[in-house]
Amino acid sequence: MLLRNNIPLTYIFGKIKKELLFVIAYSVGIVILYQNFHVTRISIPITVPALLGTIISLLLAFRSNQAYDRWWEARILWGAIVNDSRSLSRQILSFVENPYGSDEIEKFKEKFIKRQIAWTYALSQALRGFNPRKGLEQYLSADEMEFIKRRKNVTATLLELHAMDLKEALNKGWINKYQQIEIDKTLTSLCNHMGGCERIKNTVFPVTYSKYINMSIHLFIVLLPFGLIEYFGYMEVPLVVAIAAFFLLVEKMAVHLQDPFENKPTDTPTTTICRTIERDLCQMIDDNKILEDKPQTELAQVGSYYIL
């Protein structure tokens, strides 16, 4: 998502640049024909575009609300992923006992928590259509990397590795059955959050609904100059452009919000959230090496604005 609040007007209106050029050319053409050629002096009652504009406003309000609900649900799911990742790490650190002072258990905890960091990055990349295995070698062992290469769903495979290690800890007596059940509940919760994100990603917003609203907006723009020209003359050009820009921007906002995992400026900031999870989990295991050695995140730039 965009990291700064003062988004420039050039970026905002750049999203509807082609549409605005058409509206300007069309409204100027209408006013020239109306003022210079009597045969083309056609006007319609202002109530006609006004009524159509009111109906479109209601449809746009509903569409924007539905798009924002999808975006907000995605953000809630990733907020829950942050909480459950912290809870999982806390459970591993507090439940897994080290009665003999063995380094094996400490390595087990570190491996488990680093794998959870890898899981968050893999989920973020998979949702955005990137390679989910990219960059995971700094968190996973060679054996784990080889294991996930044989599977298509990397995030589900990492949760499977979590479950396998959890079973091993139970068999070795590092945790009891009650502790195993509690940790498994957290893993199940993470799996549910992952499924929720995938549902949003794979459920397409109804195309026909979007198309009908888009057609209605264009019909409204086509009729609007004929309703204003009799009263405003040449001044109808800026009025038509201003009104059309408002409707087009609202529609464009809804289109961007409805897909929160498409690597757009309006995305849910999953990379930033993953960095927050990584920072907190590394602090739990007193390992700052990953953060120190980690290269700067590659950001998509929009002018002076960056997408995370």
Foldseek 3Di string as FASTA:
>chain_A
DWPDDCDDPCVLCVVCVVVLVVLLVLLVVLLVCCVPPVVSVFFDALVVLVVLVVVLVVLLVVLLVLLQVLQVLLLVLLVVLLVLLLVLLVLLVPFQDDPPPDVVSLVLSQLLSLLSLLLLQLLLQVLQPHHSLPPSPVSHPPVLSVVLVVDDRNNVVSLVVNLVSLVVSCVVVRHDPVSSVVSVVSSVSNVVSSVSSVCLSPDDDDPVSLVVSVVSLVVSLNNNSSNCCVPQRPVVSVVSSVVSSVSVSSSVSSVVSSRQSNQDQNHNQSVVSSVVSVVVSCVVSVHCPCVVPPDDDDWDDDPPITGD
